[in-house]
PDB file of N, CA and C in Angstrom:
ATOM      1  N   MET A   1      60.278  91.074 -90.071  1.00  0.00           N
ATOM      2  CA  MET A   1      58.694  90.852 -91.043  1.00  0.00           C
ATOM      3  C   MET A   1      57.553  91.406 -90.716  1.00  0.00           C
ATOM      4  N   LYS A   2      57.052  92.391 -91.268  1.00  0.00           N
ATOM      5  CA  LYS A   2      56.014  93.673 -91.164  1.00  0.00           C
ATOM      6  C   LYS A   2      54.782  92.896 -90.095  1.00  0.00           C
ATOM      7  N   TYR A   3      54.448  93.440 -88.955  1.00  0.00           N
ATOM      8  CA  TYR A   3      53.176  92.724 -88.044  1.00  0.00           C
ATOM      9  C   TYR A   3      52.299  92.609 -88.723  1.00  0.00           C
ATOM     10  N   PHE A   4      51.615  92.411 -89.020  1.00  0.00           N
ATOM     11  CA  PHE A   4      49.983  92.135 -90.145  1.00  0.00           C
ATOM     12  C   PHE A   4      49.125  91.645 -88.922  1.00  0.00           C
ATOM     13  N   GLU A   5      47.602  93.235 -88.689  1.00  0.00           N
ATOM     14  CA  GLU A   5      46.217  92.272 -88.092  1.00  0.00           C
ATOM     15  C   GLU A   5      45.557  92.030 -88.286  1.00  0.00           C
ATOM     16  N   VAL A   6      45.084  90.395 -87.977  1.00  0.00           N
ATOM     17  CA  VAL A   6      44.354  89.547 -88.755  1.00  0.00           C
ATOM     18  C   VAL A   6      42.745  90.513 -89.001  1.00  0.00           C
ATOM     19  N   MET A   7      42.112  90.808 -87.643  1.00  0.00           N
ATOM     20  CA  MET A   7      41.749  91.198 -87.364  1.00  0.00           C
ATOM     21  C   MET A   7      41.233  92.820 -88.628  1.00  0.00           C
ATOM     22  N   ASP A   8      42.258  93.465 -88.520  1.00  0.00           N
ATOM     23  CA  ASP A   8      41.964  94.617 -89.063  1.00  0.00           C
ATOM     24  C   ASP A   8      41.697  94.178 -90.476  1.00  0.00           C
ATOM     25  N   ARG A   9      42.620  92.871 -90.931  1.00  0.00           N
ATOM     26  CA  ARG A   9      43.107  92.802 -92.692  1.00  0.00           C
ATOM     27  C   ARG A   9      41.041  91.987 -93.061  1.00  0.00           C
ATOM     28  N   ILE A  10      40.215  91.511 -91.837  1.00  0.00           N
ATOM     29  CA  ILE A  10      39.191  90.778 -92.110  1.00  0.00           C
ATOM     30  C   ILE A  10      37.638  92.370 -92.373  1.00  0.00           C
ATOM     31  N   LYS A  11      37.814  93.066 -91.607  1.00  0.00           N
ATOM     32  CA  LYS A  11      37.014  94.238 -91.516  1.00  0.00           C
ATOM     33  C   LYS A  11      37.366  95.085 -92.530  1.00  0.00           C
ATOM     34  N   GLN A  12      38.755  95.450 -93.133  1.00  0.00           N
ATOM     35  CA  GLN A  12      38.717  95.673 -94.488  1.00  0.00           C
ATOM     36  C   GLN A  12      38.608  95.146 -95.624  1.00  0.00           C
ATOM     37  N   LEU A  13      38.220  93.666 -95.718  1.00  0.00           N
ATOM     38  CA  LEU A  13      37.991  93.272 -96.510  1.00  0.00           C
ATOM     39  C   LEU A  13      35.927  93.272 -96.515  1.00  0.00           C
ATOM     40  N   CYS A  14      35.831  93.222 -95.465  1.00  0.00           N
ATOM     41  CA  CYS A  14      34.410  93.233 -95.135  1.00  0.00           C
ATOM     42  C   CYS A  14      33.861  94.512 -96.080  1.00  0.00           C
ATOM     43  N   GLU A  15      34.754  96.104 -95.635  1.00  0.00           N
ATOM     44  CA  GLU A  15      34.602  96.962 -96.229  1.00  0.00           C
ATOM     45  C   GLU A  15      34.844  96.929 -97.636  1.00  0.00           C
ATOM     46  N   THR A  16      35.913  97.172 -97.634  1.00  0.00           N
ATOM     47  CA  THR A  16      36.092  96.633 -99.291  1.00  0.00           C
ATOM     48  C   THR A  16      34.988  96.342-100.142  1.00  0.00           C
ATOM     49  N   ARG A  17      34.317  94.899-100.212  1.00  0.00           N
ATOM     50  CA  ARG A  17      33.004  94.624-100.269  1.00  0.00           C
ATOM     51  C   ARG A  17      31.441  95.287-100.213  1.00  0.00           C
ATOM     52  N   SER A  18      32.085  96.001 -99.024  1.00  0.00           N
ATOM     53  CA  SER A  18      30.243  96.601 -98.465  1.00  0.00           C
ATOM     54  C   SER A  18      29.703  95.642 -98.072  1.00  0.00           C
ATOM     55  N   TRP A  19      29.966  94.639 -96.894  1.00  0.00           N
ATOM     56  CA  TRP A  19      29.865  93.292 -96.514  1.00  0.00           C
ATOM     57  C   TRP A  19      29.346  93.403 -95.270  1.00  0.00           C
ATOM     58  N   SER A  20      27.857  93.194 -94.519  1.00  0.00           N
ATOM     59  CA  SER A  20      28.462  93.641 -93.241  1.00  0.00           C
ATOM     60  C   SER A  20      28.826  92.250 -92.728  1.00  0.00           C
ATOM     61  N   TYR A  21      28.936  91.825 -91.015  1.00  0.00           N
ATOM     62  CA  TYR A  21      29.418  91.075 -90.648  1.00  0.00           C
ATOM     63  C   TYR A  21      28.456  89.719 -90.551  1.00  0.00           C
ATOM     64  N   TYR A  22      27.448  89.720 -90.752  1.00  0.00           N
ATOM     65  CA  TYR A  22      26.925  89.462 -90.610  1.00  0.00           C
ATOM     66  C   TYR A  22      26.733  88.269 -91.966  1.00  0.00           C
ATOM     67  N   ARG A  23      26.605  88.511 -93.371  1.00  0.00           N
ATOM     68  CA  ARG A  23      26.940  88.239 -94.785  1.00  0.00           C
ATOM     69  C   ARG A  23      28.364  87.616 -94.592  1.00  0.00           C
ATOM     70  N   LEU A  24      28.891  88.040 -93.941  1.00  0.00           N
ATOM     71  CA  LEU A  24      30.696  87.265 -94.279  1.00  0.00           C
ATOM     72  C   LEU A  24      30.304  85.995 -93.269  1.00  0.00           C
ATOM     73  N   ALA A  25      29.591  86.152 -92.090  1.00  0.00           N
ATOM     74  CA  ALA A  25      29.073  85.010 -90.996  1.00  0.00           C
ATOM     75  C   ALA A  25      28.894  83.639 -92.107  1.00  0.00           C
ATOM     76  N   LYS A  26      27.587  83.788 -92.791  1.00  0.00           N
ATOM     77  CA  LYS A  26      26.947  83.003 -93.281  1.00  0.00           C
ATOM     78  C   LYS A  26      28.367  83.052 -94.666  1.00  0.00           C
ATOM     79  N   ALA A  27      28.348  83.652 -94.917  1.00  0.00           N
ATOM     80  CA  ALA A  27      29.599  82.829 -96.730  1.00  0.00           C
ATOM     81  C   ALA A  27      30.229  81.961 -95.886  1.00  0.00           C
ATOM     82  N   SER A  28      30.861  82.559 -94.598  1.00  0.00           N
ATOM     83  CA  SER A  28      31.721  81.369 -94.500  1.00  0.00           C
ATOM     84  C   SER A  28      31.358  80.120 -93.278  1.00  0.00           C
ATOM     85  N   GLY A  29      30.216  80.486 -93.361  1.00  0.00           N
ATOM     86  CA  GLY A  29      29.900  78.814 -91.907  1.00  0.00           C
ATOM     87  C   GLY A  29      30.021  78.963 -91.123  1.00  0.00           C
ATOM     88  N   ILE A  30      30.138  80.619 -90.179  1.00  0.00           N
ATOM     89  CA  ILE A  30      31.217  80.394 -89.062  1.00  0.00           C
ATOM     90  C   ILE A  30      29.801  81.175 -88.023  1.00  0.00           C
ATOM     91  N   PRO A  31      29.551  80.475 -87.522  1.00  0.00           N
ATOM     92  CA  PRO A  31      28.406  81.558 -86.642  1.00  0.00           C
ATOM     93  C   PRO A  31      28.742  83.524 -85.729  1.00  0.00           C
ATOM     94  N   TYR A  32      27.739  83.902 -86.666  1.00  0.00           N
ATOM     95  CA  TYR A  32      27.599  85.119 -86.141  1.00  0.00           C
ATOM     96  C   TYR A  32      28.622  85.970 -84.949  1.00  0.00           C
ATOM     97  N   SER A  33      27.932  84.930 -83.941  1.00  0.00           N
ATOM     98  CA  SER A  33      28.155  84.870 -82.589  1.00  0.00           C
ATOM     99  C   SER A  33      29.363  84.828 -82.340  1.00  0.00           C
ATOM    100  N   THR A  34      30.230  84.012 -82.773  1.00  0.00           N
ATOM    101  CA  THR A  34      31.790  83.569 -83.185  1.00  0.00           C
ATOM    102  C   THR A  34      32.654  84.261 -83.545  1.00  0.00           C
ATOM    103  N   LEU A  35      31.898  84.674 -84.992  1.00  0.00           N
ATOM    104  CA  LEU A  35      32.748  86.055 -85.374  1.00  0.00           C
ATOM    105  C   LEU A  35      32.697  87.527 -84.609  1.00  0.00           C
ATOM    106  N   ASN A  36      31.683  87.820 -84.530  1.00  0.00           N
ATOM    107  CA  ASN A  36      31.946  89.283 -83.362  1.00  0.00           C
ATOM    108  C   ASN A  36      32.506  89.409 -82.457  1.00  0.00           C
ATOM    109  N   THR A  37      32.677  87.684 -81.864  1.00  0.00           N
ATOM    110  CA  THR A  37      33.485  88.180 -80.359  1.00  0.00           C
ATOM    111  C   THR A  37      34.854  87.962 -80.634  1.00  0.00           C
ATOM    112  N   MET A  38      34.995  87.194 -82.294  1.00  0.00           N
ATOM    113  CA  MET A  38      36.656  87.513 -83.153  1.00  0.00           C
ATOM    114  C   MET A  38      36.983  89.532 -83.387  1.00  0.00           C
ATOM    115  N   LEU A  39      35.765  89.796 -83.695  1.00  0.00           N
ATOM    116  CA  LEU A  39      36.207  90.965 -83.966  1.00  0.00           C
ATOM    117  C   LEU A  39      36.076  92.032 -82.855  1.00  0.00           C
ATOM    118  N   HIS A  40      34.991  92.028 -82.155  1.00  0.00           N
ATOM    119  CA  HIS A  40      35.311  93.016 -80.827  1.00  0.00           C
ATOM    120  C   HIS A  40      35.834  92.612 -79.482  1.00  0.00           C
ATOM    121  N   LYS A  41      36.262  91.409 -79.954  1.00  0.00           N
ATOM    122  CA  LYS A  41      36.968  91.043 -78.454  1.00  0.00           C
ATOM    123  C   LYS A  41      38.646  90.922 -78.796  1.00  0.00           C
ATOM    124  N   SER A  42      39.340  91.275 -80.495  1.00  0.00           N
ATOM    125  CA  SER A  42      40.494  90.919 -80.690  1.00  0.00           C
ATOM    126  C   SER A  42      40.829  89.788 -80.533  1.00  0.00           C
ATOM    127  N   TYR A  43      40.226  88.567 -80.908  1.00  0.00           N
ATOM    128  CA  TYR A  43      40.463  87.157 -80.536  1.00  0.00           C
ATOM    129  C   TYR A  43      40.693  86.813 -82.063  1.00  0.00           C
ATOM    130  N   VAL A  44      42.206  86.091 -82.103  1.00  0.00           N
ATOM    131  CA  VAL A  44      42.765  86.094 -82.993  1.00  0.00           C
ATOM    132  C   VAL A  44      41.972  84.829 -83.857  1.00  0.00           C
ATOM    133  N   PRO A  45      41.091  84.321 -84.810  1.00  0.00           N
ATOM    134  CA  PRO A  45      40.572  82.819 -84.964  1.00  0.00           C
ATOM    135  C   PRO A  45      42.440  81.776 -85.618  1.00  0.00           C
ATOM    136  N   THR A  46      41.336  80.789 -85.265  1.00  0.00           N
ATOM    137  CA  THR A  46      42.686  79.781 -85.340  1.00  0.00           C
ATOM    138  C   THR A  46      42.722  79.711 -86.944  1.00  0.00           C
ATOM    139  N   VAL A  47      43.897  78.839 -87.523  1.00  0.00           N
ATOM    140  CA  VAL A  47      43.848  78.500 -89.053  1.00  0.00           C
ATOM    141  C   VAL A  47      42.488  77.875 -89.905  1.00  0.00           C
ATOM    142  N   PRO A  48      42.204  77.545 -89.008  1.00  0.00           N
ATOM    143  CA  PRO A  48      41.141  76.387 -89.703  1.00  0.00           C
ATOM    144  C   PRO A  48      39.008  77.101 -89.558  1.00  0.00           C
ATOM    145  N   SER A  49      39.958  78.567 -89.327  1.00  0.00           N
ATOM    146  CA  SER A  49      38.406  79.699 -88.723  1.00  0.00           C
ATOM    147  C   SER A  49      39.079  80.629 -90.022  1.00  0.00           C
ATOM    148  N   LEU A  50      40.291  80.369 -89.799  1.00  0.00           N
ATOM    149  CA  LEU A  50      40.929  82.156 -90.906  1.00  0.00           C
ATOM    150  C   LEU A  50      40.671  81.051 -92.609  1.00  0.00           C
ATOM    151  N   GLN A  51      40.634  79.738 -92.460  1.00  0.00           N
ATOM    152  CA  GLN A  51      40.233  79.305 -93.840  1.00  0.00           C
ATOM    153  C   GLN A  51      38.872  79.000 -94.242  1.00  0.00           C
ATOM    154  N   LYS A  52      37.780  79.479 -93.246  1.00  0.00           N
ATOM    155  CA  LYS A  52      36.726  79.782 -93.309  1.00  0.00           C
ATOM    156  C   LYS A  52      36.031  80.863 -93.948  1.00  0.00           C
ATOM    157  N   ILE A  53      37.016  81.177 -93.153  1.00  0.00           N
ATOM    158  CA  ILE A  53      36.512  83.339 -93.554  1.00  0.00           C
ATOM    159  C   ILE A  53      37.045  83.296 -94.441  1.00  0.00           C
ATOM    160  N   CYS A  54      38.387  82.443 -95.660  1.00  0.00           N
ATOM    161  CA  CYS A  54      38.862  83.256 -96.435  1.00  0.00           C
ATOM    162  C   CYS A  54      37.861  82.455 -97.261  1.00  0.00           C
ATOM    163  N   ASP A  55      37.455  81.484 -97.496  1.00  0.00           N
ATOM    164  CA  ASP A  55      36.526  80.659 -98.313  1.00  0.00           C
ATOM    165  C   ASP A  55      35.532  81.917 -98.661  1.00  0.00           C
ATOM    166  N   GLY A  56      34.819  81.930 -97.393  1.00  0.00           N
ATOM    167  CA  GLY A  56      33.554  82.204 -97.203  1.00  0.00           C
ATOM    168  C   GLY A  56      33.520  84.171 -97.905  1.00  0.00           C
ATOM    169  N   PHE A  57      34.989  84.777 -98.399  1.00  0.00           N
ATOM    170  CA  PHE A  57      35.370  85.671 -98.833  1.00  0.00           C
ATOM    171  C   PHE A  57      35.642  85.443-100.566  1.00  0.00           C
ATOM    172  N   GLY A  58      35.926  84.408-100.563  1.00  0.00           N
ATOM    173  CA  GLY A  58      37.005  83.527-102.270  1.00  0.00           C
ATOM    174  C   GLY A  58      38.253  83.696-101.867  1.00  0.00           C
ATOM    175  N   ILE A  59      38.893  83.969-100.937  1.00  0.00           N
ATOM    176  CA  ILE A  59      39.869  84.137-101.687  1.00  0.00           C
ATOM    177  C   ILE A  59      41.260  82.949-101.122  1.00  0.00           C
ATOM    178  N   THR A  60      42.614  83.041-101.275  1.00  0.00           N
ATOM    179  CA  THR A  60      43.493  81.752-100.382  1.00  0.00           C
ATOM    180  C   THR A  60      43.757  82.743 -99.165  1.00  0.00           C
ATOM    181  N   LEU A  61      44.637  81.532 -98.337  1.00  0.00           N
ATOM    182  CA  LEU A  61      45.050  82.240 -96.891  1.00  0.00           C
ATOM    183  C   LEU A  61      46.621  83.048 -97.710  1.00  0.00           C
ATOM    184  N   ALA A  62      46.808  82.639 -99.121  1.00  0.00           N
ATOM    185  CA  ALA A  62      47.776  83.388 -99.133  1.00  0.00           C
ATOM    186  C   ALA A  62      47.610  85.032 -99.227  1.00  0.00           C
ATOM    187  N   GLN A  63      46.365  84.775-100.609  1.00  0.00           N
ATOM    188  CA  GLN A  63      45.815  85.663-100.699  1.00  0.00           C
ATOM    189  C   GLN A  63      45.849  87.145 -99.389  1.00  0.00           C
ATOM    190  N   PHE A  64      45.097  86.564 -98.579  1.00  0.00           N
ATOM    191  CA  PHE A  64      44.529  87.270 -97.287  1.00  0.00           C
ATOM    192  C   PHE A  64      45.956  87.513 -96.721  1.00  0.00           C
ATOM    193  N   PHE A  65      46.903  87.299 -96.948  1.00  0.00           N
ATOM    194  CA  PHE A  65      48.201  87.436 -96.003  1.00  0.00           C
ATOM    195  C   PHE A  65      48.967  88.578 -97.027  1.00  0.00           C
ATOM    196  N   SER A  66      48.648  88.322 -97.988  1.00  0.00           N
ATOM    197  CA  SER A  66      48.859  89.527 -98.836  1.00  0.00           C
ATOM    198  C   SER A  66      49.127  91.018 -98.882  1.00  0.00           C
ATOM    199  N   GLU A  67      50.853  90.995 -99.212  1.00  0.00           N
ATOM    200  CA  GLU A  67      50.351  93.173 -98.919  1.00  0.00           C
ATOM    201  C   GLU A  67      50.090  93.287 -99.879  1.00  0.00           C
ATOM    202  N   LYS A  68      50.574  93.097-101.165  1.00  0.00           N
ATOM    203  CA  LYS A  68      49.623  93.811-102.509  1.00  0.00           C
ATOM    204  C   LYS A  68      48.595  94.063-102.708  1.00  0.00           C
ATOM    205  N   ASP A  69      48.324  95.163-103.368  1.00  0.00           N
ATOM    206  CA  ASP A  69      46.917  95.691-103.359  1.00  0.00           C
ATOM    207  C   ASP A  69      46.525  95.313-104.638  1.00  0.00           C
ATOM    208  N   GLU A  70      46.216  93.795-105.166  1.00  0.00           N
ATOM    209  CA  GLU A  70      45.552  93.693-106.480  1.00  0.00           C
ATOM    210  C   GLU A  70      44.753  94.316-107.263  1.00  0.00           C
ATOM    211  N   VAL A  71      43.739  94.645-106.246  1.00  0.00           N
ATOM    212  CA  VAL A  71      42.554  95.591-106.595  1.00  0.00           C
ATOM    213  C   VAL A  71      42.900  96.651-107.517  1.00  0.00           C
ATOM    214  N   SER A  72      44.211  97.020-107.252  1.00  0.00           N
ATOM    215  CA  SER A  72      44.434  98.577-107.445  1.00  0.00           C
ATOM    216  C   SER A  72      45.615  98.095-109.096  1.00  0.00           C
ATOM    217  N   LEU A  73      45.681  96.982-109.961  1.00  0.00           N
ATOM    218  CA  LEU A  73      46.171  96.766-110.666  1.00  0.00           C
ATOM    219  C   LEU A  73      45.208  96.321-111.655  1.00  0.00           C
ATOM    220  N   LEU A  74      43.737  96.083-111.596  1.00  0.00           N
ATOM    221  CA  LEU A  74      42.865  95.883-112.662  1.00  0.00           C
ATOM    222  C   LEU A  74      42.917  97.103-112.548  1.00  0.00           C
ATOM    223  N   THR A  75      42.420  97.401-114.226  1.00  0.00           N
ATOM    224  CA  THR A  75      41.759  98.580-114.364  1.00  0.00           C
ATOM    225  C   THR A  75      39.753  99.250-114.333  1.00  0.00           C
ATOM    226  N   LYS A  76      39.459 100.618-113.901  1.00  0.00           N
ATOM    227  CA  LYS A  76      37.976 100.883-114.083  1.00  0.00           C
ATOM    228  C   LYS A  76      37.191 100.127-113.844  1.00  0.00           C
ATOM    229  N   GLU A  77      37.115  99.199-115.618  1.00  0.00           N
ATOM    230  CA  GLU A  77      35.975  98.430-115.707  1.00  0.00           C
ATOM    231  C   GLU A  77      36.281  97.289-114.483  1.00  0.00           C
ATOM    232  N   GLN A  78      37.694  96.536-114.441  1.00  0.00           N
ATOM    233  CA  GLN A  78      37.437  95.704-113.956  1.00  0.00           C
ATOM    234  C   GLN A  78      36.968  95.622-112.658  1.00  0.00           C
ATOM    235  N   ARG A  79      37.349  96.936-111.942  1.00  0.00           N
ATOM    236  CA  ARG A  79      37.388  97.072-110.494  1.00  0.00           C
ATOM    237  C   ARG A  79      35.541  97.125-110.387  1.00  0.00           C
ATOM    238  N   ALA A  80      34.847  98.266-111.351  1.00  0.00           N
ATOM    239  CA  ALA A  80      33.074  97.873-111.140  1.00  0.00           C
ATOM    240  C   ALA A  80      33.006  96.888-111.503  1.00  0.00           C
ATOM    241  N   CYS A  81      33.250  95.977-112.065  1.00  0.00           N
ATOM    242  CA  CYS A  81      33.180  94.630-112.433  1.00  0.00           C
ATOM    243  C   CYS A  81      33.051  93.495-111.452  1.00  0.00           C
ATOM    244  N   LEU A  82      33.958  93.432-110.209  1.00  0.00           N
ATOM    245  CA  LEU A  82      34.303  93.154-109.320  1.00  0.00           C
ATOM    246  C   LEU A  82      33.901  93.688-108.104  1.00  0.00           C
ATOM    247  N   GLU A  83      33.043  95.022-108.218  1.00  0.00           N
ATOM    248  CA  GLU A  83      32.406  95.498-107.257  1.00  0.00           C
ATOM    249  C   GLU A  83      30.921  94.379-107.483  1.00  0.00           C
ATOM    250  N   ARG A  84      30.915  94.691-108.728  1.00  0.00           N
ATOM    251  CA  ARG A  84      29.458  94.005-108.747  1.00  0.00           C
ATOM    252  C   ARG A  84      29.058  92.724-108.141  1.00  0.00           C
ATOM    253  N   TRP A  85      29.978  92.233-108.597  1.00  0.00           N
ATOM    254  CA  TRP A  85      30.259  90.894-108.304  1.00  0.00           C
ATOM    255  C   TRP A  85      29.932  90.392-106.729  1.00  0.00           C
ATOM    256  N   ASN A  86      31.284  91.207-105.931  1.00  0.00           N
ATOM    257  CA  ASN A  86      30.876  91.032-104.716  1.00  0.00           C
ATOM    258  C   ASN A  86      29.668  91.602-103.885  1.00  0.00           C
ATOM    259  N   SER A  87      28.941  91.954-104.817  1.00  0.00           N
ATOM    260  CA  SER A  87      27.309  92.304-104.004  1.00  0.00           C
ATOM    261  C   SER A  87      26.259  91.290-104.535  1.00  0.00           C
ATOM    262  N   LEU A  88      26.783  90.204-105.245  1.00  0.00           N
ATOM    263  CA  LEU A  88      25.585  89.293-105.425  1.00  0.00           C
ATOM    264  C   LEU A  88      25.841  87.812-104.670  1.00  0.00           C
ATOM    265  N   ASP A  89      24.582  87.540-104.479  1.00  0.00           N
ATOM    266  CA  ASP A  89      24.792  86.111-103.697  1.00  0.00           C
ATOM    267  C   ASP A  89      24.996  85.371-103.985  1.00  0.00           C
ATOM    268  N   GLU A  90      25.747  84.215-103.489  1.00  0.00           N
ATOM    269  CA  GLU A  90      26.157  82.931-104.495  1.00  0.00           C
ATOM    270  C   GLU A  90      25.579  83.041-105.587  1.00  0.00           C
ATOM    271  N   LYS A  91      24.058  81.943-105.550  1.00  0.00           N
ATOM    272  CA  LYS A  91      23.067  82.058-106.339  1.00  0.00           C
ATOM    273  C   LYS A  91      23.514  82.657-108.209  1.00  0.00           C
ATOM    274  N   SER A  92      23.514  84.431-107.435  1.00  0.00           N
ATOM    275  CA  SER A  92      23.700  85.137-108.496  1.00  0.00           C
ATOM    276  C   SER A  92      24.805  85.158-109.069  1.00  0.00           C
ATOM    277  N   GLN A  93      26.072  84.890-108.531  1.00  0.00           N
ATOM    278  CA  GLN A  93      26.983  84.704-108.660  1.00  0.00           C
ATOM    279  C   GLN A  93      27.602  83.786-109.791  1.00  0.00           C
ATOM    280  N   MET A  94      26.980  82.147-109.670  1.00  0.00           N
ATOM    281  CA  MET A  94      26.681  81.086-110.263  1.00  0.00           C
ATOM    282  C   MET A  94      26.194  81.852-111.614  1.00  0.00           C
ATOM    283  N   LEU A  95      24.994  82.059-111.778  1.00  0.00           N
ATOM    284  CA  LEU A  95      24.979  83.207-113.197  1.00  0.00           C
ATOM    285  C   LEU A  95      25.146  83.488-113.854  1.00  0.00           C
ATOM    286  N   ALA A  96      25.899  84.254-112.909  1.00  0.00           N
ATOM    287  CA  ALA A  96      26.828  85.696-113.947  1.00  0.00           C
ATOM    288  C   ALA A  96      28.087  84.967-114.768  1.00  0.00           C
ATOM    289  N   LEU A  97      28.719  83.690-114.016  1.00  0.00           N
ATOM    290  CA  LEU A  97      29.805  83.171-114.279  1.00  0.00           C
ATOM    291  C   LEU A  97      29.084  82.237-116.479  1.00  0.00           C
ATOM    292  N   ALA A  98      28.063  81.821-115.780  1.00  0.00           N
ATOM    293  CA  ALA A  98      26.726  81.212-116.892  1.00  0.00           C
ATOM    294  C   ALA A  98      26.924  81.796-118.101  1.00  0.00           C
ATOM    295  N   TYR A  99      26.792  83.454-117.366  1.00  0.00           N
ATOM    296  CA  TYR A  99      26.400  84.164-118.983  1.00  0.00           C
ATOM    297  C   TYR A  99      27.832  84.416-119.631  1.00  0.00           C
ATOM    298  N   MET A 100      28.578  85.178-118.868  1.00  0.00           N
ATOM    299  CA  MET A 100      29.687  84.999-119.239  1.00  0.00           C
ATOM    300  C   MET A 100      30.423  84.410-120.297  1.00  0.00           C
ATOM    301  N   GLN A 101      29.955  82.686-119.653  1.00  0.00           N
ATOM    302  CA  GLN A 101      30.907  81.459-120.460  1.00  0.00           C
ATOM    303  C   GLN A 101      30.596  81.731-121.508  1.00  0.00           C
ATOM    304  N   GLY A 102      28.449  81.725-121.744  1.00  0.00           N
ATOM    305  CA  GLY A 102      28.075  81.541-122.630  1.00  0.00           C
ATOM    306  C   GLY A 102      28.063  83.220-124.075  1.00  0.00           C
ATOM    307  N   LEU A 103      28.673  83.980-123.059  1.00  0.00           N
ATOM    308  CA  LEU A 103      29.392  85.334-124.583  1.00  0.00           C
ATOM    309  C   LEU A 103      30.327  84.621-124.479  1.00  0.00           C
ATOM    310  N   ALA A 104      31.293  84.380-123.980  1.00  0.00           N
ATOM    311  CA  ALA A 104      32.911  83.730-124.770  1.00  0.00           C
ATOM    312  C   ALA A 104      32.615  82.937-125.420  1.00  0.00           C
ATOM    313  N   ASP A 105      31.772  82.206-125.175  1.00  0.00           N
ATOM    314  CA  ASP A 105      31.371  81.126-126.473  1.00  0.00           C
ATOM    315  C   ASP A 105      31.491  81.798-127.981  1.00  0.00           C
ATOM    316  N   ARG A 106      30.512  82.227-127.636  1.00  0.00           N
ATOM    317  CA  ARG A 106      30.110  82.901-129.006  1.00  0.00           C
ATOM    318  C   ARG A 106      31.208  83.203-129.953  1.00  0.00           C
ATOM    319  N   GLN A 107      32.090  83.872-128.834  1.00  0.00           N
ATOM    320  CA  GLN A 107      32.869  84.856-129.598  1.00  0.00           C
ATOM    321  C   GLN A 107      33.952  83.738-129.900  1.00  0.00           C
ATOM    322  N   GLU A 108      34.251  82.572-129.969  1.00  0.00           N
ATOM    323  CA  GLU A 108      35.162  81.544-130.256  1.00  0.00           C
ATOM    324  C   GLU A 108      34.497  80.815-131.982  1.00  0.00           C
TER     325      GLU A 108
END
């Protein structure tokens, strides 16, 4: 089995989303100081902490450990939509979903 570096994956997900570590700490409910210690002292999070981080990113543990780059399978338009989604706060994401649902309902 290939070696998997948990902290590198967390850093990669932050970079992909253009998130600061502070934003990840807020989204995951983990104190910033704890997250900062993990990131800079190569402290590997416990499974419950990693689950909180995944929840903050809006992904499952399976997606976290997946070696597939699912984003590369998206169209250019889908990637642009996802990039915009990732830049929104939680309230704005809920509003975007409601708007998209309204558009889908109109087409039925």
